[in-house]
Amino acid sequence: MEKGTIPWRRPWNNGTPVNGVNQKPYRGINSLLLEPGEYSTFKQIREAGGKVHKGEKGHIVVFWKWIESENEETG
């Protein structure tokens, strides 16, 4: 601790798939489908000034979100 580092903090990634741009971890089924690492869309890479090499393969990512129901049943 005298060196300024906290020994109980892990400096490495916890092995979950994250978005390469905003570093938000993937949730739900995506956390099971994807290997640990960073993932970005073609559009995100292009907007960052990068290029996708010919022959690169993509991964399936499932879009999901919670939907609030307006029809609440009353007992």
N, C-alpha and C. Protein backbone atom coordinates (compact mmCIF):
# COMPACT_ATOMS: atom_id res chain seq x y z
N MET A 1 0.81 -1.18 0.00
CA MET A 1 0.00 0.00 0.00
C MET A 1 0.86 1.25 0.00
N GLU A 2 2.07 1.14 0.44
CA GLU A 2 2.96 2.29 0.44
C GLU A 2 3.28 2.74 -0.98
N LYS A 3 3.19 1.82 -1.95
CA LYS A 3 3.48 2.15 -3.35
C LYS A 3 2.31 2.84 -4.04
N GLY A 4 1.17 2.90 -3.36
CA GLY A 4 0.01 3.56 -3.94
C GLY A 4 -0.95 2.62 -4.63
N THR A 5 -0.68 1.32 -4.62
CA THR A 5 -1.60 0.37 -5.22
C THR A 5 -2.37 -0.36 -4.13
N ILE A 6 -3.62 -0.59 -4.40
CA ILE A 6 -4.46 -1.29 -3.44
C ILE A 6 -4.41 -2.78 -3.79
N PRO A 7 -3.90 -3.62 -2.88
CA PRO A 7 -3.67 -5.02 -3.22
C PRO A 7 -4.93 -5.84 -3.45
N TRP A 8 -6.08 -5.42 -2.95
CA TRP A 8 -7.28 -6.23 -3.12
C TRP A 8 -8.09 -5.85 -4.35
N ARG A 9 -7.64 -4.89 -5.12
CA ARG A 9 -8.31 -4.55 -6.37
C ARG A 9 -7.66 -5.29 -7.52
N ARG A 10 -8.51 -5.90 -8.35
CA ARG A 10 -8.00 -6.63 -9.50
C ARG A 10 -7.78 -5.67 -10.67
N PRO A 11 -6.59 -5.58 -11.22
CA PRO A 11 -6.35 -4.68 -12.36
C PRO A 11 -6.76 -5.29 -13.70
N TRP A 12 -7.21 -6.52 -13.72
CA TRP A 12 -7.55 -7.19 -14.96
C TRP A 12 -9.06 -7.28 -15.12
N ASN A 13 -9.49 -7.62 -16.32
CA ASN A 13 -10.90 -7.80 -16.64
C ASN A 13 -11.39 -9.08 -15.99
N ASN A 14 -12.64 -9.11 -15.58
CA ASN A 14 -13.17 -10.28 -14.89
C ASN A 14 -13.59 -11.41 -15.83
N GLY A 15 -13.26 -11.31 -17.10
CA GLY A 15 -13.54 -12.39 -18.03
C GLY A 15 -14.94 -12.38 -18.60
N THR A 16 -15.56 -11.23 -18.68
CA THR A 16 -16.89 -11.14 -19.26
C THR A 16 -16.81 -10.40 -20.59
N PRO A 17 -17.72 -10.69 -21.51
CA PRO A 17 -17.75 -9.93 -22.77
C PRO A 17 -18.26 -8.51 -22.52
N VAL A 18 -17.58 -7.53 -23.09
CA VAL A 18 -17.97 -6.13 -22.93
C VAL A 18 -18.01 -5.44 -24.28
N ASN A 19 -18.73 -4.33 -24.34
CA ASN A 19 -18.76 -3.51 -25.54
C ASN A 19 -17.43 -2.79 -25.64
N GLY A 20 -16.82 -2.81 -26.81
CA GLY A 20 -15.51 -2.21 -26.99
C GLY A 20 -15.49 -0.70 -26.92
N VAL A 21 -16.63 -0.04 -27.11
CA VAL A 21 -16.67 1.41 -27.10
C VAL A 21 -16.95 1.95 -25.70
N ASN A 22 -18.01 1.47 -25.07
CA ASN A 22 -18.39 2.03 -23.77
C ASN A 22 -18.05 1.13 -22.58
N GLN A 23 -17.48 -0.03 -22.83
CA GLN A 23 -17.04 -0.98 -21.80
C GLN A 23 -18.17 -1.51 -20.92
N LYS A 24 -19.42 -1.40 -21.39
CA LYS A 24 -20.54 -1.97 -20.64
C LYS A 24 -20.56 -3.48 -20.84
N PRO A 25 -20.70 -4.25 -19.78
CA PRO A 25 -20.74 -5.71 -19.94
C PRO A 25 -22.05 -6.15 -20.60
N TYR A 26 -21.97 -7.20 -21.41
CA TYR A 26 -23.16 -7.78 -22.00
C TYR A 26 -23.92 -8.53 -20.92
N ARG A 27 -25.25 -8.55 -21.04
CA ARG A 27 -26.10 -9.17 -20.03
C ARG A 27 -26.95 -10.26 -20.67
N GLY A 28 -27.66 -10.99 -19.84
CA GLY A 28 -28.60 -12.00 -20.33
C GLY A 28 -27.91 -13.12 -21.07
N ILE A 29 -28.56 -13.59 -22.13
CA ILE A 29 -28.05 -14.72 -22.90
C ILE A 29 -26.73 -14.38 -23.59
N ASN A 30 -26.48 -13.09 -23.86
CA ASN A 30 -25.24 -12.69 -24.51
C ASN A 30 -24.02 -13.00 -23.65
N SER A 31 -24.17 -12.93 -22.33
CA SER A 31 -23.03 -13.25 -21.46
C SER A 31 -22.68 -14.72 -21.54
N LEU A 32 -23.63 -15.56 -21.96
CA LEU A 32 -23.36 -16.98 -22.12
C LEU A 32 -22.89 -17.32 -23.54
N LEU A 33 -23.39 -16.59 -24.54
CA LEU A 33 -23.05 -16.88 -25.93
C LEU A 33 -21.66 -16.40 -26.33
N LEU A 34 -21.20 -15.29 -25.74
CA LEU A 34 -19.96 -14.66 -26.17
C LEU A 34 -18.79 -15.06 -25.28
N GLU A 35 -17.63 -15.23 -25.90
CA GLU A 35 -16.40 -15.48 -25.15
C GLU A 35 -15.97 -14.18 -24.48
N PRO A 36 -15.18 -14.24 -23.40
CA PRO A 36 -14.69 -13.01 -22.78
C PRO A 36 -13.90 -12.17 -23.78
N GLY A 37 -14.08 -10.87 -23.73
CA GLY A 37 -13.37 -9.96 -24.62
C GLY A 37 -14.21 -8.76 -24.96
N GLU A 38 -13.72 -7.96 -25.90
CA GLU A 38 -14.41 -6.75 -26.34
C GLU A 38 -15.07 -6.99 -27.69
N TYR A 39 -16.28 -6.49 -27.84
CA TYR A 39 -17.05 -6.63 -29.07
C TYR A 39 -17.57 -5.27 -29.50
N SER A 40 -17.51 -5.01 -30.80
CA SER A 40 -18.02 -3.76 -31.36
C SER A 40 -18.75 -4.07 -32.65
N THR A 41 -19.69 -3.20 -33.00
CA THR A 41 -20.40 -3.36 -34.26
C THR A 41 -19.55 -2.79 -35.40
N PHE A 42 -19.91 -3.15 -36.61
CA PHE A 42 -19.22 -2.62 -37.78
C PHE A 42 -19.30 -1.10 -37.78
N LYS A 43 -20.48 -0.57 -37.46
CA LYS A 43 -20.67 0.88 -37.44
C LYS A 43 -19.80 1.55 -36.37
N GLN A 44 -19.69 0.95 -35.18
CA GLN A 44 -18.86 1.52 -34.12
C GLN A 44 -17.39 1.56 -34.52
N ILE A 45 -16.94 0.52 -35.19
CA ILE A 45 -15.54 0.47 -35.64
C ILE A 45 -15.29 1.53 -36.70
N ARG A 46 -16.22 1.66 -37.65
CA ARG A 46 -16.08 2.64 -38.72
C ARG A 46 -16.09 4.06 -38.17
N GLU A 47 -16.99 4.35 -37.19
CA GLU A 47 -17.06 5.69 -36.61
C GLU A 47 -15.81 6.03 -35.80
N ALA A 48 -15.12 5.01 -35.29
CA ALA A 48 -13.89 5.24 -34.53
C ALA A 48 -12.68 5.37 -35.45
N GLY A 49 -12.90 5.27 -36.76
CA GLY A 49 -11.81 5.41 -37.71
C GLY A 49 -11.11 4.11 -38.02
N GLY A 50 -11.66 3.00 -37.58
CA GLY A 50 -11.04 1.70 -37.83
C GLY A 50 -11.59 1.03 -39.07
N LYS A 51 -11.04 -0.12 -39.39
CA LYS A 51 -11.49 -0.91 -40.53
C LYS A 51 -11.63 -2.36 -40.11
N VAL A 52 -12.58 -3.04 -40.72
CA VAL A 52 -12.76 -4.47 -40.51
C VAL A 52 -12.08 -5.19 -41.66
N HIS A 53 -11.18 -6.11 -41.34
CA HIS A 53 -10.45 -6.83 -42.37
C HIS A 53 -11.36 -7.78 -43.13
N LYS A 54 -11.10 -7.94 -44.40
CA LYS A 54 -11.85 -8.85 -45.23
C LYS A 54 -11.71 -10.27 -44.68
N GLY A 55 -12.81 -10.97 -44.59
CA GLY A 55 -12.80 -12.34 -44.10
C GLY A 55 -13.06 -12.48 -42.61
N GLU A 56 -13.16 -11.35 -41.88
CA GLU A 56 -13.45 -11.42 -40.45
C GLU A 56 -14.86 -11.98 -40.24
N LYS A 57 -15.05 -12.67 -39.14
CA LYS A 57 -16.34 -13.29 -38.83
C LYS A 57 -17.04 -12.51 -37.71
N GLY A 58 -18.36 -12.51 -37.76
CA GLY A 58 -19.15 -11.85 -36.74
C GLY A 58 -19.68 -12.85 -35.72
N HIS A 59 -20.31 -12.34 -34.69
CA HIS A 59 -20.94 -13.16 -33.66
C HIS A 59 -22.40 -12.76 -33.53
N ILE A 60 -23.23 -13.70 -33.15
CA ILE A 60 -24.63 -13.40 -32.91
C ILE A 60 -24.77 -12.77 -31.53
N VAL A 61 -25.44 -11.62 -31.49
CA VAL A 61 -25.74 -10.94 -30.24
C VAL A 61 -27.25 -10.72 -30.23
N VAL A 62 -27.90 -11.07 -29.13
CA VAL A 62 -29.35 -10.98 -29.02
C VAL A 62 -29.72 -9.66 -28.35
N PHE A 63 -30.54 -8.86 -29.04
CA PHE A 63 -31.03 -7.61 -28.45
C PHE A 63 -32.26 -7.92 -27.61
N TRP A 64 -32.25 -7.46 -26.37
CA TRP A 64 -33.42 -7.65 -25.50
C TRP A 64 -33.52 -6.47 -24.56
N LYS A 65 -34.72 -6.21 -24.09
CA LYS A 65 -34.93 -5.19 -23.08
C LYS A 65 -36.22 -5.49 -22.33
N TRP A 66 -36.31 -4.98 -21.12
CA TRP A 66 -37.51 -5.16 -20.31
C TRP A 66 -38.61 -4.27 -20.86
N ILE A 67 -39.82 -4.80 -20.95
CA ILE A 67 -40.97 -4.03 -21.41
C ILE A 67 -41.97 -3.96 -20.26
N GLU A 68 -42.35 -2.76 -19.91
CA GLU A 68 -43.32 -2.56 -18.85
C GLU A 68 -44.72 -2.80 -19.42
N SER A 69 -45.50 -3.60 -18.72
CA SER A 69 -46.86 -3.89 -19.15
C SER A 69 -47.81 -2.84 -18.61
N GLU A 70 -48.69 -2.37 -19.48
CA GLU A 70 -49.69 -1.38 -19.04
C GLU A 70 -50.92 -2.05 -18.46
N ASN A 71 -51.12 -3.33 -18.75
CA ASN A 71 -52.28 -4.06 -18.27
C ASN A 71 -51.93 -4.80 -17.00
N GLU A 72 -52.20 -4.18 -15.87
CA GLU A 72 -51.94 -4.84 -14.60
C GLU A 72 -53.24 -5.49 -14.14
N GLU A 73 -53.17 -6.79 -13.86
CA GLU A 73 -54.35 -7.49 -13.39
C GLU A 73 -54.55 -7.21 -11.90
N THR A 74 -55.77 -6.92 -11.53
CA THR A 74 -56.07 -6.69 -10.13
C THR A 74 -56.88 -7.87 -9.61
N GLY A 75 -56.61 -8.26 -8.38
CA GLY A 75 -57.24 -9.43 -7.80
C GLY A 75 -58.55 -9.20 -7.30
